[in-house]
Amino acid sequence: CTDLREIRILLRVLSRQVGSRTRAKGFAGKSVFIKLKYSDFKTVTRSELSSSALDNGGDICKIALKLLSRTDAGKRPVRLVGVGIGQLVPAGMPDFEQMELPFFRQLKQLKMEK
């Protein structure tokens, strides 16, 4: 398929399914990815990390469509389209911030003083 409109419609449908299945299992994902296989069987994957965990098909779809724009879809025939999420966390879990250990903070200060 070289029709971008059809591929976008398919991404919307797949994103809703991913969101629905994820919610049903009580999870959300922090990364969204798409996978395309072209007619010559070359496979490409594009992914993006979200600032918050997602389980809504609409939110997943927005990112998936943005990722689609970073492929050759529409220019090259596509034979397979996939959407998924990764870095799963339990739904409703607050977003966590990576904290530094005091040792690393001291090391950074020493490096800045030099």
PDB file of N, CA and C in Angstrom:
ATOM      1  N   CYS A   1       0.846  -1.183   0.000  1.00  0.00           N
ATOM      2  CA  CYS A   1       0.000   0.000   0.000  1.00  0.00           C
ATOM      3  C   CYS A   1       0.896   1.252   0.000  1.00  0.00           C
ATOM      4  N   THR A   2       0.622   2.157  -0.897  1.00  0.00           N
ATOM      5  CA  THR A   2       1.361   3.421  -0.921  1.00  0.00           C
ATOM      6  C   THR A   2       0.477   4.595  -0.510  1.00  0.00           C
ATOM      7  N   ASP A   3      -0.778   4.308  -0.178  1.00  0.00           N
ATOM      8  CA  ASP A   3      -1.732   5.355   0.195  1.00  0.00           C
ATOM      9  C   ASP A   3      -1.553   5.717   1.673  1.00  0.00           C
ATOM     10  N   LEU A   4      -0.975   6.889   1.934  1.00  0.00           N
ATOM     11  CA  LEU A   4      -0.742   7.328   3.315  1.00  0.00           C
ATOM     12  C   LEU A   4      -2.036   7.442   4.107  1.00  0.00           C
ATOM     13  N   ARG A   5      -3.114   7.818   3.444  1.00  0.00           N
ATOM     14  CA  ARG A   5      -4.404   7.938   4.131  1.00  0.00           C
ATOM     15  C   ARG A   5      -4.823   6.584   4.719  1.00  0.00           C
ATOM     16  N   GLU A   6      -4.679   5.519   3.940  1.00  0.00           N
ATOM     17  CA  GLU A   6      -5.032   4.178   4.423  1.00  0.00           C
ATOM     18  C   GLU A   6      -4.124   3.746   5.568  1.00  0.00           C
ATOM     19  N   ILE A   7      -2.844   4.056   5.462  1.00  0.00           N
ATOM     20  CA  ILE A   7      -1.902   3.685   6.520  1.00  0.00           C
ATOM     21  C   ILE A   7      -2.230   4.436   7.805  1.00  0.00           C
ATOM     22  N   ARG A   8      -2.582   5.704   7.689  1.00  0.00           N
ATOM     23  CA  ARG A   8      -2.957   6.492   8.878  1.00  0.00           C
ATOM     24  C   ARG A   8      -4.212   5.935   9.533  1.00  0.00           C
ATOM     25  N   ILE A   9      -5.190   5.547   8.723  1.00  0.00           N
ATOM     26  CA  ILE A   9      -6.419   4.953   9.265  1.00  0.00           C
ATOM     27  C   ILE A   9      -6.076   3.673  10.021  1.00  0.00           C
ATOM     28  N   LEU A  10      -5.228   2.863   9.432  1.00  0.00           N
ATOM     29  CA  LEU A  10      -4.815   1.615  10.074  1.00  0.00           C
ATOM     30  C   LEU A  10      -4.086   1.893  11.385  1.00  0.00           C
ATOM     31  N   LEU A  11      -3.230   2.913  11.410  1.00  0.00           N
ATOM     32  CA  LEU A  11      -2.543   3.280  12.651  1.00  0.00           C
ATOM     33  C   LEU A  11      -3.534   3.693  13.734  1.00  0.00           C
ATOM     34  N   ARG A  12      -4.587   4.409  13.353  1.00  0.00           N
ATOM     35  CA  ARG A  12      -5.614   4.813  14.329  1.00  0.00           C
ATOM     36  C   ARG A  12      -6.306   3.593  14.929  1.00  0.00           C
ATOM     37  N   VAL A  13      -6.681   2.667  14.075  1.00  0.00           N
ATOM     38  CA  VAL A  13      -7.355   1.453  14.539  1.00  0.00           C
ATOM     39  C   VAL A  13      -6.433   0.651  15.466  1.00  0.00           C
ATOM     40  N   LEU A  14      -5.206   0.451  15.040  1.00  0.00           N
ATOM     41  CA  LEU A  14      -4.253  -0.313  15.842  1.00  0.00           C
ATOM     42  C   LEU A  14      -3.951   0.380  17.168  1.00  0.00           C
ATOM     43  N   SER A  15      -3.844   1.700  17.157  1.00  0.00           N
ATOM     44  CA  SER A  15      -3.568   2.453  18.391  1.00  0.00           C
ATOM     45  C   SER A  15      -4.702   2.293  19.387  1.00  0.00           C
ATOM     46  N   ARG A  16      -5.939   2.329  18.907  1.00  0.00           N
ATOM     47  CA  ARG A  16      -7.097   2.123  19.794  1.00  0.00           C
ATOM     48  C   ARG A  16      -7.060   0.726  20.401  1.00  0.00           C
ATOM     49  N   GLN A  17      -6.723  -0.270  19.593  1.00  0.00           N
ATOM     50  CA  GLN A  17      -6.647  -1.639  20.094  1.00  0.00           C
ATOM     51  C   GLN A  17      -5.559  -1.785  21.150  1.00  0.00           C
ATOM     52  N   VAL A  18      -4.404  -1.193  20.892  1.00  0.00           N
ATOM     53  CA  VAL A  18      -3.301  -1.252  21.861  1.00  0.00           C
ATOM     54  C   VAL A  18      -3.726  -0.584  23.161  1.00  0.00           C
ATOM     55  N   GLY A  19      -4.329   0.596  23.074  1.00  0.00           N
ATOM     56  CA  GLY A  19      -4.783   1.300  24.270  1.00  0.00           C
ATOM     57  C   GLY A  19      -5.814   0.500  25.048  1.00  0.00           C
ATOM     58  N   SER A  20      -6.769  -0.079  24.345  1.00  0.00           N
ATOM     59  CA  SER A  20      -7.823  -0.863  24.981  1.00  0.00           C
ATOM     60  C   SER A  20      -7.260  -2.093  25.684  1.00  0.00           C
ATOM     61  N   ARG A  21      -6.385  -2.803  25.012  1.00  0.00           N
ATOM     62  CA  ARG A  21      -5.784  -4.007  25.611  1.00  0.00           C
ATOM     63  C   ARG A  21      -4.911  -3.662  26.809  1.00  0.00           C
ATOM     64  N   THR A  22      -4.198  -2.560  26.690  1.00  0.00           N
ATOM     65  CA  THR A  22      -3.313  -2.137  27.778  1.00  0.00           C
ATOM     66  C   THR A  22      -4.124  -1.773  29.015  1.00  0.00           C
ATOM     67  N   ARG A  23      -5.191  -0.989  28.819  1.00  0.00           N
ATOM     68  CA  ARG A  23      -6.058  -0.617  29.943  1.00  0.00           C
ATOM     69  C   ARG A  23      -6.695  -1.848  30.573  1.00  0.00           C
ATOM     70  N   ALA A  24      -7.153  -2.783  29.732  1.00  0.00           N
ATOM     71  CA  ALA A  24      -7.809  -3.994  30.233  1.00  0.00           C
ATOM     72  C   ALA A  24      -6.880  -4.817  31.124  1.00  0.00           C
ATOM     73  N   LYS A  25      -5.594  -4.763  30.844  1.00  0.00           N
ATOM     74  CA  LYS A  25      -4.615  -5.502  31.650  1.00  0.00           C
ATOM     75  C   LYS A  25      -4.095  -4.684  32.832  1.00  0.00           C
ATOM     76  N   GLY A  26      -4.517  -3.407  32.916  1.00  0.00           N
ATOM     77  CA  GLY A  26      -4.115  -2.565  34.038  1.00  0.00           C
ATOM     78  C   GLY A  26      -2.729  -1.960  33.913  1.00  0.00           C
ATOM     79  N   PHE A  27      -2.311  -1.722  32.663  1.00  0.00           N
ATOM     80  CA  PHE A  27      -0.988  -1.154  32.440  1.00  0.00           C
ATOM     81  C   PHE A  27      -1.064   0.114  31.599  1.00  0.00           C
ATOM     82  N   ALA A  28       0.060   0.796  31.521  1.00  0.00           N
ATOM     83  CA  ALA A  28       0.260   1.935  30.632  1.00  0.00           C
ATOM     84  C   ALA A  28       1.719   1.862  30.177  1.00  0.00           C
ATOM     85  N   GLY A  29       2.028   2.497  29.046  1.00  0.00           N
ATOM     86  CA  GLY A  29       3.382   2.418  28.514  1.00  0.00           C
ATOM     87  C   GLY A  29       4.014   3.780  28.339  1.00  0.00           C
ATOM     88  N   LYS A  30       5.319   3.852  28.557  1.00  0.00           N
ATOM     89  CA  LYS A  30       6.037   5.119  28.434  1.00  0.00           C
ATOM     90  C   LYS A  30       6.650   5.324  27.059  1.00  0.00           C
ATOM     91  N   SER A  31       6.703   4.278  26.229  1.00  0.00           N
ATOM     92  CA  SER A  31       7.234   4.457  24.883  1.00  0.00           C
ATOM     93  C   SER A  31       6.240   3.906  23.864  1.00  0.00           C
ATOM     94  N   VAL A  32       6.207   4.546  22.712  1.00  0.00           N
ATOM     95  CA  VAL A  32       5.342   4.132  21.606  1.00  0.00           C
ATOM     96  C   VAL A  32       6.250   3.795  20.434  1.00  0.00           C
ATOM     97  N   PHE A  33       5.924   2.716  19.731  1.00  0.00           N
ATOM     98  CA  PHE A  33       6.713   2.380  18.555  1.00  0.00           C
ATOM     99  C   PHE A  33       5.797   1.946  17.417  1.00  0.00           C
ATOM    100  N   ILE A  34       6.296   2.135  16.200  1.00  0.00           N
ATOM    101  CA  ILE A  34       5.624   1.599  15.021  1.00  0.00           C
ATOM    102  C   ILE A  34       6.638   0.735  14.282  1.00  0.00           C
ATOM    103  N   LYS A  35       6.123  -0.245  13.576  1.00  0.00           N
ATOM    104  CA  LYS A  35       6.970  -1.107  12.758  1.00  0.00           C
ATOM    105  C   LYS A  35       6.333  -1.189  11.379  1.00  0.00           C
ATOM    106  N   LEU A  36       7.133  -0.951  10.357  1.00  0.00           N
ATOM    107  CA  LEU A  36       6.676  -1.056   8.970  1.00  0.00           C
ATOM    108  C   LEU A  36       7.540  -2.061   8.242  1.00  0.00           C
ATOM    109  N   LYS A  37       6.896  -2.857   7.404  1.00  0.00           N
ATOM    110  CA  LYS A  37       7.645  -3.732   6.503  1.00  0.00           C
ATOM    111  C   LYS A  37       7.278  -3.300   5.095  1.00  0.00           C
ATOM    112  N   TYR A  38       8.296  -2.966   4.323  1.00  0.00           N
ATOM    113  CA  TYR A  38       8.079  -2.534   2.946  1.00  0.00           C
ATOM    114  C   TYR A  38       7.917  -3.752   2.030  1.00  0.00           C
ATOM    115  N   SER A  39       7.518  -3.495   0.801  1.00  0.00           N
ATOM    116  CA  SER A  39       7.265  -4.588  -0.145  1.00  0.00           C
ATOM    117  C   SER A  39       8.520  -5.416  -0.431  1.00  0.00           C
ATOM    118  N   ASP A  40       9.700  -4.822  -0.242  1.00  0.00           N
ATOM    119  CA  ASP A  40      10.945  -5.573  -0.449  1.00  0.00           C
ATOM    120  C   ASP A  40      11.378  -6.320   0.826  1.00  0.00           C
ATOM    121  N   PHE A  41      10.485  -6.359   1.829  1.00  0.00           N
ATOM    122  CA  PHE A  41      10.667  -7.046   3.113  1.00  0.00           C
ATOM    123  C   PHE A  41      11.643  -6.342   4.048  1.00  0.00           C
ATOM    124  N   LYS A  42      12.105  -5.148   3.703  1.00  0.00           N
ATOM    125  CA  LYS A  42      12.924  -4.366   4.636  1.00  0.00           C
ATOM    126  C   LYS A  42      11.995  -3.855   5.738  1.00  0.00           C
ATOM    127  N   THR A  43      12.427  -4.029   6.983  1.00  0.00           N
ATOM    128  CA  THR A  43      11.626  -3.630   8.136  1.00  0.00           C
ATOM    129  C   THR A  43      12.273  -2.429   8.812  1.00  0.00           C
ATOM    130  N   VAL A  44      11.441  -1.451   9.164  1.00  0.00           N
ATOM    131  CA  VAL A  44      11.924  -0.291   9.920  1.00  0.00           C
ATOM    132  C   VAL A  44      11.067  -0.132  11.166  1.00  0.00           C
ATOM    133  N   THR A  45      11.696   0.332  12.225  1.00  0.00           N
ATOM    134  CA  THR A  45      11.003   0.590  13.480  1.00  0.00           C
ATOM    135  C   THR A  45      11.339   2.006  13.913  1.00  0.00           C
ATOM    136  N   ARG A  46      10.349   2.722  14.373  1.00  0.00           N
ATOM    137  CA  ARG A  46      10.544   4.064  14.917  1.00  0.00           C
ATOM    138  C   ARG A  46       9.886   4.089  16.291  1.00  0.00           C
ATOM    139  N   SER A  47      10.524   4.747  17.251  1.00  0.00           N
ATOM    140  CA  SER A  47       9.953   4.808  18.594  1.00  0.00           C
ATOM    141  C   SER A  47      10.193   6.175  19.213  1.00  0.00           C
ATOM    142  N   GLU A  48       9.382   6.452  20.203  1.00  0.00           N
ATOM    143  CA  GLU A  48       9.509   7.722  20.932  1.00  0.00           C
ATOM    144  C   GLU A  48       9.119   7.494  22.379  1.00  0.00           C
ATOM    145  N   LEU A  49       9.872   8.104  23.268  1.00  0.00           N
ATOM    146  CA  LEU A  49       9.604   8.029  24.695  1.00  0.00           C
ATOM    147  C   LEU A  49       8.648   9.160  25.070  1.00  0.00           C
ATOM    148  N   SER A  50       7.606   8.826  25.798  1.00  0.00           N
ATOM    149  CA  SER A  50       6.625   9.818  26.231  1.00  0.00           C
ATOM    150  C   SER A  50       7.001  10.335  27.619  1.00  0.00           C
ATOM    151  N   SER A  51       6.596  11.560  27.906  1.00  0.00           N
ATOM    152  CA  SER A  51       6.896  12.130  29.225  1.00  0.00           C
ATOM    153  C   SER A  51       6.035  11.498  30.315  1.00  0.00           C
ATOM    154  N   SER A  52       4.912  10.891  29.921  1.00  0.00           N
ATOM    155  CA  SER A  52       4.057  10.203  30.894  1.00  0.00           C
ATOM    156  C   SER A  52       3.575   8.884  30.305  1.00  0.00           C
ATOM    157  N   ALA A  53       3.157   7.991  31.164  1.00  0.00           N
ATOM    158  CA  ALA A  53       2.680   6.683  30.720  1.00  0.00           C
ATOM    159  C   ALA A  53       1.343   6.828  30.002  1.00  0.00           C
ATOM    160  N   LEU A  54       1.178   6.110  28.894  1.00  0.00           N
ATOM    161  CA  LEU A  54      -0.007   6.218  28.051  1.00  0.00           C
ATOM    162  C   LEU A  54      -0.784   4.906  28.025  1.00  0.00           C
ATOM    163  N   ASP A  55      -2.118   5.025  28.041  1.00  0.00           N
ATOM    164  CA  ASP A  55      -2.976   3.868  27.807  1.00  0.00           C
ATOM    165  C   ASP A  55      -4.196   4.263  26.977  1.00  0.00           C
ATOM    166  N   ASN A  56      -4.165   5.468  26.435  1.00  0.00           N
ATOM    167  CA  ASN A  56      -5.268   6.002  25.648  1.00  0.00           C
ATOM    168  C   ASN A  56      -4.920   5.893  24.163  1.00  0.00           C
ATOM    169  N   GLY A  57      -5.813   5.276  23.401  1.00  0.00           N
ATOM    170  CA  GLY A  57      -5.570   5.081  21.982  1.00  0.00           C
ATOM    171  C   GLY A  57      -5.312   6.372  21.227  1.00  0.00           C
ATOM    172  N   GLY A  58      -6.000   7.445  21.590  1.00  0.00           N
ATOM    173  CA  GLY A  58      -5.809   8.735  20.920  1.00  0.00           C
ATOM    174  C   GLY A  58      -4.408   9.278  21.134  1.00  0.00           C
ATOM    175  N   ASP A  59      -3.913   9.178  22.363  1.00  0.00           N
ATOM    176  CA  ASP A  59      -2.558   9.656  22.671  1.00  0.00           C
ATOM    177  C   ASP A  59      -1.507   8.798  21.973  1.00  0.00           C
ATOM    178  N   ILE A  60      -1.739   7.498  21.976  1.00  0.00           N
ATOM    179  CA  ILE A  60      -0.814   6.581  21.297  1.00  0.00           C
ATOM    180  C   ILE A  60      -0.801   6.890  19.806  1.00  0.00           C
ATOM    181  N   CYS A  61      -1.963   7.140  19.240  1.00  0.00           N
ATOM    182  CA  CYS A  61      -2.090   7.423  17.813  1.00  0.00           C
ATOM    183  C   CYS A  61      -1.354   8.704  17.424  1.00  0.00           C
ATOM    184  N   LYS A  62      -1.447   9.742  18.228  1.00  0.00           N
ATOM    185  CA  LYS A  62      -0.749  10.994  17.914  1.00  0.00           C
ATOM    186  C   LYS A  62       0.748  10.756  17.740  1.00  0.00           C
ATOM    187  N   ILE A  63       1.305   9.993  18.650  1.00  0.00           N
ATOM    188  CA  ILE A  63       2.739   9.712  18.562  1.00  0.00           C
ATOM    189  C   ILE A  63       3.023   8.800  17.376  1.00  0.00           C
ATOM    190  N   ALA A  64       2.163   7.791  17.162  1.00  0.00           N
ATOM    191  CA  ALA A  64       2.365   6.862  16.042  1.00  0.00           C
ATOM    192  C   ALA A  64       2.336   7.599  14.703  1.00  0.00           C
ATOM    193  N   LEU A  65       1.439   8.557  14.562  1.00  0.00           N
ATOM    194  CA  LEU A  65       1.370   9.325  13.311  1.00  0.00           C
ATOM    195  C   LEU A  65       2.613  10.190  13.130  1.00  0.00           C
ATOM    196  N   LYS A  66       3.121  10.733  14.225  1.00  0.00           N
ATOM    197  CA  LYS A  66       4.349  11.519  14.145  1.00  0.00           C
ATOM    198  C   LYS A  66       5.515  10.622  13.726  1.00  0.00           C
ATOM    199  N   LEU A  67       5.543   9.409  14.274  1.00  0.00           N
ATOM    200  CA  LEU A  67       6.601   8.465  13.915  1.00  0.00           C
ATOM    201  C   LEU A  67       6.493   8.045  12.451  1.00  0.00           C
ATOM    202  N   LEU A  68       5.271   7.920  11.954  1.00  0.00           N
ATOM    203  CA  LEU A  68       5.057   7.549  10.553  1.00  0.00           C
ATOM    204  C   LEU A  68       5.717   8.558   9.618  1.00  0.00           C
ATOM    205  N   SER A  69       5.689   9.827  10.001  1.00  0.00           N
ATOM    206  CA  SER A  69       6.273  10.864   9.150  1.00  0.00           C
ATOM    207  C   SER A  69       7.792  10.731   9.036  1.00  0.00           C
ATOM    208  N   ARG A  70       8.391   9.927   9.913  1.00  0.00           N
ATOM    209  CA  ARG A  70       9.837   9.706   9.866  1.00  0.00           C
ATOM    210  C   ARG A  70      10.206   8.431   9.112  1.00  0.00           C
ATOM    211  N   THR A  71       9.284   7.963   8.263  1.00  0.00           N
ATOM    212  CA  THR A  71       9.533   6.767   7.453  1.00  0.00           C
ATOM    213  C   THR A  71       9.341   7.111   5.979  1.00  0.00           C
ATOM    214  N   ASP A  72       9.559   6.120   5.121  1.00  0.00           N
ATOM    215  CA  ASP A  72       9.334   6.286   3.681  1.00  0.00           C
ATOM    216  C   ASP A  72       7.934   5.855   3.263  1.00  0.00           C
ATOM    217  N   ALA A  73       7.037   5.655   4.224  1.00  0.00           N
ATOM    218  CA  ALA A  73       5.662   5.262   3.891  1.00  0.00           C
ATOM    219  C   ALA A  73       5.058   6.331   2.981  1.00  0.00           C
ATOM    220  N   GLY A  74       4.371   5.894   1.949  1.00  0.00           N
ATOM    221  CA  GLY A  74       3.820   6.808   0.961  1.00  0.00           C
ATOM    222  C   GLY A  74       4.724   6.922  -0.256  1.00  0.00           C
ATOM    223  N   LYS A  75       6.012   6.735  -0.050  1.00  0.00           N
ATOM    224  CA  LYS A  75       6.974   6.755  -1.154  1.00  0.00           C
ATOM    225  C   LYS A  75       7.312   5.327  -1.591  1.00  0.00           C
ATOM    226  N   ARG A  76       7.279   4.411  -0.614  1.00  0.00           N
ATOM    227  CA  ARG A  76       7.565   3.005  -0.880  1.00  0.00           C
ATOM    228  C   ARG A  76       6.353   2.180  -0.486  1.00  0.00           C
ATOM    229  N   PRO A  77       6.050   1.131  -1.216  1.00  0.00           N
ATOM    230  CA  PRO A  77       4.909   0.280  -0.851  1.00  0.00           C
ATOM    231  C   PRO A  77       5.135  -0.407   0.499  1.00  0.00           C
ATOM    232  N   VAL A  78       4.096  -0.394   1.342  1.00  0.00           N
ATOM    233  CA  VAL A  78       4.149  -0.984   2.679  1.00  0.00           C
ATOM    234  C   VAL A  78       3.271  -2.234   2.692  1.00  0.00           C
ATOM    235  N   ARG A  79       3.789  -3.325   3.249  1.00  0.00           N
ATOM    236  CA  ARG A  79       3.027  -4.571   3.307  1.00  0.00           C
ATOM    237  C   ARG A  79       2.597  -4.939   4.722  1.00  0.00           C
ATOM    238  N   LEU A  80       3.185  -4.302   5.761  1.00  0.00           N
ATOM    239  CA  LEU A  80       2.833  -4.614   7.142  1.00  0.00           C
ATOM    240  C   LEU A  80       2.986  -3.359   7.992  1.00  0.00           C
ATOM    241  N   VAL A  81       2.031  -3.141   8.890  1.00  0.00           N
ATOM    242  CA  VAL A  81       2.060  -1.988   9.795  1.00  0.00           C
ATOM    243  C   VAL A  81       1.769  -2.491  11.201  1.00  0.00           C
ATOM    244  N   GLY A  82       2.545  -2.038  12.166  1.00  0.00           N
ATOM    245  CA  GLY A  82       2.302  -2.412  13.551  1.00  0.00           C
ATOM    246  C   GLY A  82       2.505  -1.238  14.484  1.00  0.00           C
ATOM    247  N   VAL A  83       1.772  -1.258  15.600  1.00  0.00           N
ATOM    248  CA  VAL A  83       1.879  -0.230  16.640  1.00  0.00           C
ATOM    249  C   VAL A  83       1.994  -0.957  17.973  1.00  0.00           C
ATOM    250  N   GLY A  84       2.828  -0.436  18.850  1.00  0.00           N
ATOM    251  CA  GLY A  84       2.941  -1.028  20.177  1.00  0.00           C
ATOM    252  C   GLY A  84       3.441  -0.021  21.183  1.00  0.00           C
ATOM    253  N   ILE A  85       3.389  -0.418  22.438  1.00  0.00           N
ATOM    254  CA  ILE A  85       3.937   0.414  23.507  1.00  0.00           C
ATOM    255  C   ILE A  85       4.896  -0.440  24.324  1.00  0.00           C
ATOM    256  N   GLY A  86       5.826   0.227  24.953  1.00  0.00           N
ATOM    257  CA  GLY A  86       6.808  -0.454  25.778  1.00  0.00           C
ATOM    258  C   GLY A  86       7.013   0.270  27.079  1.00  0.00           C
ATOM    259  N   GLN A  87       7.968  -0.202  27.849  1.00  0.00           N
ATOM    260  CA  GLN A  87       8.247   0.340  29.179  1.00  0.00           C
ATOM    261  C   GLN A  87       6.967   0.420  29.995  1.00  0.00           C
ATOM    262  N   LEU A  88       6.333  -0.734  30.143  1.00  0.00           N
ATOM    263  CA  LEU A  88       5.040  -0.807  30.829  1.00  0.00           C
ATOM    264  C   LEU A  88       5.178  -0.562  32.322  1.00  0.00           C
ATOM    265  N   VAL A  89       4.184   0.152  32.856  1.00  0.00           N
ATOM    266  CA  VAL A  89       4.075   0.404  34.296  1.00  0.00           C
ATOM    267  C   VAL A  89       2.625   0.162  34.685  1.00  0.00           C
ATOM    268  N   PRO A  90       2.365  -0.170  35.942  1.00  0.00           N
ATOM    269  CA  PRO A  90       0.973  -0.318  36.364  1.00  0.00           C
ATOM    270  C   PRO A  90       0.207   0.984  36.147  1.00  0.00           C
ATOM    271  N   ALA A  91      -1.018   0.870  35.647  1.00  0.00           N
ATOM    272  CA  ALA A  91      -1.837   2.062  35.378  1.00  0.00           C
ATOM    273  C   ALA A  91      -2.063   2.846  36.660  1.00  0.00           C
ATOM    274  N   GLY A  92      -2.063   4.152  36.545  1.00  0.00           N
ATOM    275  CA  GLY A  92      -2.316   5.022  37.684  1.00  0.00           C
ATOM    276  C   GLY A  92      -1.102   5.254  38.557  1.00  0.00           C
ATOM    277  N   MET A  93      -0.005   4.603  38.228  1.00  0.00           N
ATOM    278  CA  MET A  93       1.209   4.804  39.012  1.00  0.00           C
ATOM    279  C   MET A  93       1.776   6.185  38.695  1.00  0.00           C
ATOM    280  N   PRO A  94       2.150   6.943  39.719  1.00  0.00           N
ATOM    281  CA  PRO A  94       2.705   8.283  39.443  1.00  0.00           C
ATOM    282  C   PRO A  94       4.020   8.185  38.690  1.00  0.00           C
ATOM    283  N   ASP A  95       4.288   9.215  37.899  1.00  0.00           N
ATOM    284  CA  ASP A  95       5.557   9.272  37.177  1.00  0.00           C
ATOM    285  C   ASP A  95       6.679   9.519  38.176  1.00  0.00           C
ATOM    286  N   PHE A  96       7.765   8.812  37.972  1.00  0.00           N
ATOM    287  CA  PHE A  96       8.908   8.939  38.867  1.00  0.00           C
ATOM    288  C   PHE A  96      10.016   9.696  38.177  1.00  0.00           C
ATOM    289  N   GLU A  97      10.780  10.386  38.975  1.00  0.00           N
ATOM    290  CA  GLU A  97      11.939  11.113  38.474  1.00  0.00           C
ATOM    291  C   GLU A  97      13.193  10.377  38.922  1.00  0.00           C
ATOM    292  N   GLN A  98      14.133  10.217  38.001  1.00  0.00           N
ATOM    293  CA  GLN A  98      15.399   9.565  38.347  1.00  0.00           C
ATOM    294  C   GLN A  98      16.173  10.472  39.281  1.00  0.00           C
ATOM    295  N   MET A  99      16.531   9.962  40.431  1.00  0.00           N
ATOM    296  CA  MET A  99      17.276  10.758  41.404  1.00  0.00           C
ATOM    297  C   MET A  99      18.753  10.396  41.348  1.00  0.00           C
ATOM    298  N   GLU A 100      19.573  11.362  41.693  1.00  0.00           N
ATOM    299  CA  GLU A 100      21.013  11.137  41.721  1.00  0.00           C
ATOM    300  C   GLU A 100      21.448  10.674  43.100  1.00  0.00           C
ATOM    301  N   LEU A 101      22.420   9.801  43.103  1.00  0.00           N
ATOM    302  CA  LEU A 101      23.041   9.418  44.365  1.00  0.00           C
ATOM    303  C   LEU A 101      23.996  10.529  44.787  1.00  0.00           C
ATOM    304  N   PRO A 102      24.168  10.754  46.091  1.00  0.00           N
ATOM    305  CA  PRO A 102      25.030  11.851  46.551  1.00  0.00           C
ATOM    306  C   PRO A 102      26.442  11.773  45.971  1.00  0.00           C
ATOM    307  N   PHE A 103      26.975  10.567  45.802  1.00  0.00           N
ATOM    308  CA  PHE A 103      28.316  10.406  45.258  1.00  0.00           C
ATOM    309  C   PHE A 103      28.442  11.068  43.887  1.00  0.00           C
ATOM    310  N   PHE A 104      27.453  10.868  43.024  1.00  0.00           N
ATOM    311  CA  PHE A 104      27.509  11.426  41.683  1.00  0.00           C
ATOM    312  C   PHE A 104      27.379  12.952  41.704  1.00  0.00           C
ATOM    313  N   ARG A 105      26.606  13.450  42.620  1.00  0.00           N
ATOM    314  CA  ARG A 105      26.474  14.901  42.767  1.00  0.00           C
ATOM    315  C   ARG A 105      27.819  15.507  43.155  1.00  0.00           C
ATOM    316  N   GLN A 106      28.496  14.869  44.086  1.00  0.00           N
ATOM    317  CA  GLN A 106      29.818  15.354  44.526  1.00  0.00           C
ATOM    318  C   GLN A 106      30.823  15.261  43.384  1.00  0.00           C
ATOM    319  N   LEU A 107      30.757  14.195  42.618  1.00  0.00           N
ATOM    320  CA  LEU A 107      31.662  14.018  41.495  1.00  0.00           C
ATOM    321  C   LEU A 107      31.456  15.123  40.457  1.00  0.00           C
ATOM    322  N   LYS A 108      30.204  15.468  40.179  1.00  0.00           N
ATOM    323  CA  LYS A 108      29.904  16.553  39.231  1.00  0.00           C
ATOM    324  C   LYS A 108      30.479  17.872  39.751  1.00  0.00           C
ATOM    325  N   GLN A 109      30.314  18.153  41.028  1.00  0.00           N
ATOM    326  CA  GLN A 109      30.836  19.388  41.606  1.00  0.00           C
ATOM    327  C   GLN A 109      32.353  19.463  41.474  1.00  0.00           C
ATOM    328  N   LEU A 110      33.023  18.342  41.709  1.00  0.00           N
ATOM    329  CA  LEU A 110      34.485  18.309  41.598  1.00  0.00           C
ATOM    330  C   LEU A 110      34.914  18.582  40.147  1.00  0.00           C
ATOM    331  N   LYS A 111      34.203  18.015  39.202  1.00  0.00           N
ATOM    332  CA  LYS A 111      34.525  18.215  37.793  1.00  0.00           C
ATOM    333  C   LYS A 111      34.313  19.676  37.385  1.00  0.00           C
ATOM    334  N   MET A 112      33.263  20.327  37.932  1.00  0.00           N
ATOM    335  CA  MET A 112      32.979  21.727  37.582  1.00  0.00           C
ATOM    336  C   MET A 112      34.019  22.658  38.190  1.00  0.00           C
ATOM    337  N   GLU A 113      34.590  22.279  39.328  1.00  0.00           N
ATOM    338  CA  GLU A 113      35.579  23.120  39.996  1.00  0.00           C
ATOM    339  C   GLU A 113      36.921  23.114  39.284  1.00  0.00           C
ATOM    340  N   LYS A 114      37.174  22.090  38.504  1.00  0.00           N
ATOM    341  CA  LYS A 114      38.469  21.984  37.811  1.00  0.00           C
ATOM    342  C   LYS A 114      38.596  22.941  36.667  1.00  0.00           C
TER     343      LYS A 114
END
